[in-house]
């Protein structure tokens, strides 16, 4: 009985060490290590920023028009632009 309990404990500790090792060596980096500069149109003001999942959203005021630009949070590449305008 003691042999079975010892083997079960050793198996559990081994499994735990394998999981910890896997997470250490295969962890996806969530920190962006590159620097980049996003250019804005002249006179543009940043109203707000936010994140949603793996996207970064920046709300801009460009000469009275509101625009939302989205970027990939990991690479900071532009993903899309959403412009708002008033109906005539």
C-alpha atoms as a PDB file:
ATOM      1  CA  UNK A   1       0.000   0.000   0.000  1.00  0.00           C
ATOM      2  CA  UNK A   2       2.840   2.346   0.844  1.00  0.00           C
ATOM      3  CA  UNK A   3       4.480   1.626  -2.516  1.00  0.00           C
ATOM      4  CA  UNK A   4       1.267   2.566  -4.375  1.00  0.00           C
ATOM      5  CA  UNK A   5       0.936   5.804  -2.385  1.00  0.00           C
ATOM      6  CA  UNK A   6       4.581   6.705  -3.055  1.00  0.00           C
ATOM      7  CA  UNK A   7       4.294   6.080  -6.787  1.00  0.00           C
ATOM      8  CA  UNK A   8       1.073   8.109  -6.987  1.00  0.00           C
ATOM      9  CA  UNK A   9       2.728  11.017  -5.170  1.00  0.00           C
ATOM     10  CA  UNK A  10       5.793  10.851  -7.413  1.00  0.00           C
ATOM     11  CA  UNK A  11       3.583  10.772 -10.509  1.00  0.00           C
ATOM     12  CA  UNK A  12       1.632  13.817  -9.285  1.00  0.00           C
ATOM     13  CA  UNK A  13       4.779  15.805  -8.537  1.00  0.00           C
ATOM     14  CA  UNK A  14       6.232  14.855 -11.922  1.00  0.00           C
ATOM     15  CA  UNK A  15       3.095  15.983 -13.720  1.00  0.00           C
ATOM     16  CA  UNK A  16       3.163  19.286 -11.841  1.00  0.00           C
ATOM     17  CA  UNK A  17       6.794  19.910 -12.811  1.00  0.00           C
ATOM     18  CA  UNK A  18       6.034  19.117 -16.461  1.00  0.00           C
ATOM     19  CA  UNK A  19       3.151  21.623 -16.511  1.00  0.00           C
ATOM     20  CA  UNK A  20       5.254  24.345 -14.871  1.00  0.00           C
ATOM     21  CA  UNK A  21       8.116  23.743 -17.306  1.00  0.00           C
ATOM     22  CA  UNK A  22       5.786  23.806 -20.290  1.00  0.00           C
ATOM     23  CA  UNK A  23       4.260  27.125 -19.220  1.00  0.00           C
ATOM     24  CA  UNK A  24       7.666  28.692 -18.636  1.00  0.00           C
ATOM     25  CA  UNK A  25       9.128  27.719 -21.999  1.00  0.00           C
ATOM     26  CA  UNK A  26       6.009  28.033 -24.166  1.00  0.00           C
ATOM     27  CA  UNK A  27       4.472  31.163 -22.679  1.00  0.00           C
ATOM     28  CA  UNK A  28       3.330  33.708 -25.219  1.00  0.00           C
ATOM     29  CA  UNK A  29       4.851  37.099 -24.504  1.00  0.00           C
ATOM     30  CA  UNK A  30       2.212  39.710 -23.839  1.00  0.00           C
ATOM     31  CA  UNK A  31       4.688  42.569 -23.608  1.00  0.00           C
ATOM     32  CA  UNK A  32       5.381  44.523 -26.762  1.00  0.00           C
ATOM     33  CA  UNK A  33       9.136  44.945 -27.020  1.00  0.00           C
ATOM     34  CA  UNK A  34       9.281  47.165 -30.094  1.00  0.00           C
ATOM     35  CA  UNK A  35       8.807  50.898 -30.286  1.00  0.00           C
ATOM     36  CA  UNK A  36       6.589  52.433 -32.915  1.00  0.00           C
ATOM     37  CA  UNK A  37       5.156  55.839 -33.651  1.00  0.00           C
ATOM     38  CA  UNK A  38       1.688  56.327 -35.062  1.00  0.00           C
ATOM     39  CA  UNK A  39       1.300  59.543 -37.007  1.00  0.00           C
ATOM     40  CA  UNK A  40      -1.926  61.461 -36.623  1.00  0.00           C
ATOM     41  CA  UNK A  41      -3.386  64.050 -38.971  1.00  0.00           C
ATOM     42  CA  UNK A  42      -2.508  67.648 -38.142  1.00  0.00           C
ATOM     43  CA  UNK A  43      -4.752  69.012 -35.400  1.00  0.00           C
ATOM     44  CA  UNK A  44      -6.027  65.574 -34.308  1.00  0.00           C
ATOM     45  CA  UNK A  45      -6.672  65.025 -30.607  1.00  0.00           C
ATOM     46  CA  UNK A  46      -6.822  61.692 -28.821  1.00  0.00           C
ATOM     47  CA  UNK A  47     -10.121  61.491 -26.943  1.00  0.00           C
ATOM     48  CA  UNK A  48      -9.728  58.031 -25.406  1.00  0.00           C
ATOM     49  CA  UNK A  49      -7.984  54.690 -25.670  1.00  0.00           C
ATOM     50  CA  UNK A  50      -9.130  51.208 -24.753  1.00  0.00           C
ATOM     51  CA  UNK A  51      -8.420  47.531 -25.208  1.00  0.00           C
ATOM     52  CA  UNK A  52     -10.681  44.662 -26.162  1.00  0.00           C
ATOM     53  CA  UNK A  53      -9.125  41.244 -26.365  1.00  0.00           C
ATOM     54  CA  UNK A  54      -6.114  41.546 -28.652  1.00  0.00           C
ATOM     55  CA  UNK A  55      -7.133  44.939 -30.075  1.00  0.00           C
ATOM     56  CA  UNK A  56      -6.220  48.493 -29.063  1.00  0.00           C
ATOM     57  CA  UNK A  57      -8.765  51.188 -29.920  1.00  0.00           C
ATOM     58  CA  UNK A  58      -7.904  54.885 -30.144  1.00  0.00           C
ATOM     59  CA  UNK A  59     -10.694  57.461 -30.445  1.00  0.00           C
ATOM     60  CA  UNK A  60      -9.638  60.630 -32.276  1.00  0.00           C
ATOM     61  CA  UNK A  61     -11.192  64.046 -32.842  1.00  0.00           C
ATOM     62  CA  UNK A  62     -10.105  65.259 -36.272  1.00  0.00           C
ATOM     63  CA  UNK A  63     -11.452  68.723 -37.095  1.00  0.00           C
ATOM     64  CA  UNK A  64     -14.765  67.987 -35.385  1.00  0.00           C
ATOM     65  CA  UNK A  65     -15.170  64.466 -36.793  1.00  0.00           C
ATOM     66  CA  UNK A  66     -14.839  61.456 -34.514  1.00  0.00           C
ATOM     67  CA  UNK A  67     -12.762  58.534 -35.758  1.00  0.00           C
ATOM     68  CA  UNK A  68     -11.853  55.211 -34.108  1.00  0.00           C
ATOM     69  CA  UNK A  69      -8.646  53.500 -35.171  1.00  0.00           C
ATOM     70  CA  UNK A  70      -7.931  49.942 -34.078  1.00  0.00           C
ATOM     71  CA  UNK A  71      -4.526  48.285 -33.792  1.00  0.00           C
ATOM     72  CA  UNK A  72      -3.313  44.766 -33.046  1.00  0.00           C
ATOM     73  CA  UNK A  73      -2.151  44.914 -29.412  1.00  0.00           C
ATOM     74  CA  UNK A  74       0.812  42.566 -29.982  1.00  0.00           C
ATOM     75  CA  UNK A  75       2.295  44.043 -33.158  1.00  0.00           C
ATOM     76  CA  UNK A  76       0.686  47.532 -33.115  1.00  0.00           C
ATOM     77  CA  UNK A  77      -0.198  47.188 -36.801  1.00  0.00           C
ATOM     78  CA  UNK A  78      -3.308  49.131 -37.903  1.00  0.00           C
ATOM     79  CA  UNK A  79      -6.342  46.866 -38.167  1.00  0.00           C
ATOM     80  CA  UNK A  80      -9.089  49.267 -39.215  1.00  0.00           C
ATOM     81  CA  UNK A  81     -10.655  52.713 -39.134  1.00  0.00           C
ATOM     82  CA  UNK A  82     -14.211  53.685 -38.305  1.00  0.00           C
ATOM     83  CA  UNK A  83     -15.302  57.248 -39.156  1.00  0.00           C
ATOM     84  CA  UNK A  84     -18.395  58.986 -37.839  1.00  0.00           C
ATOM     85  CA  UNK A  85     -20.087  61.838 -39.673  1.00  0.00           C
ATOM     86  CA  UNK A  86     -23.330  63.749 -39.237  1.00  0.00           C
ATOM     87  CA  UNK A  87     -26.093  63.364 -41.769  1.00  0.00           C
ATOM     88  CA  UNK A  88     -26.665  66.428 -43.972  1.00  0.00           C
END
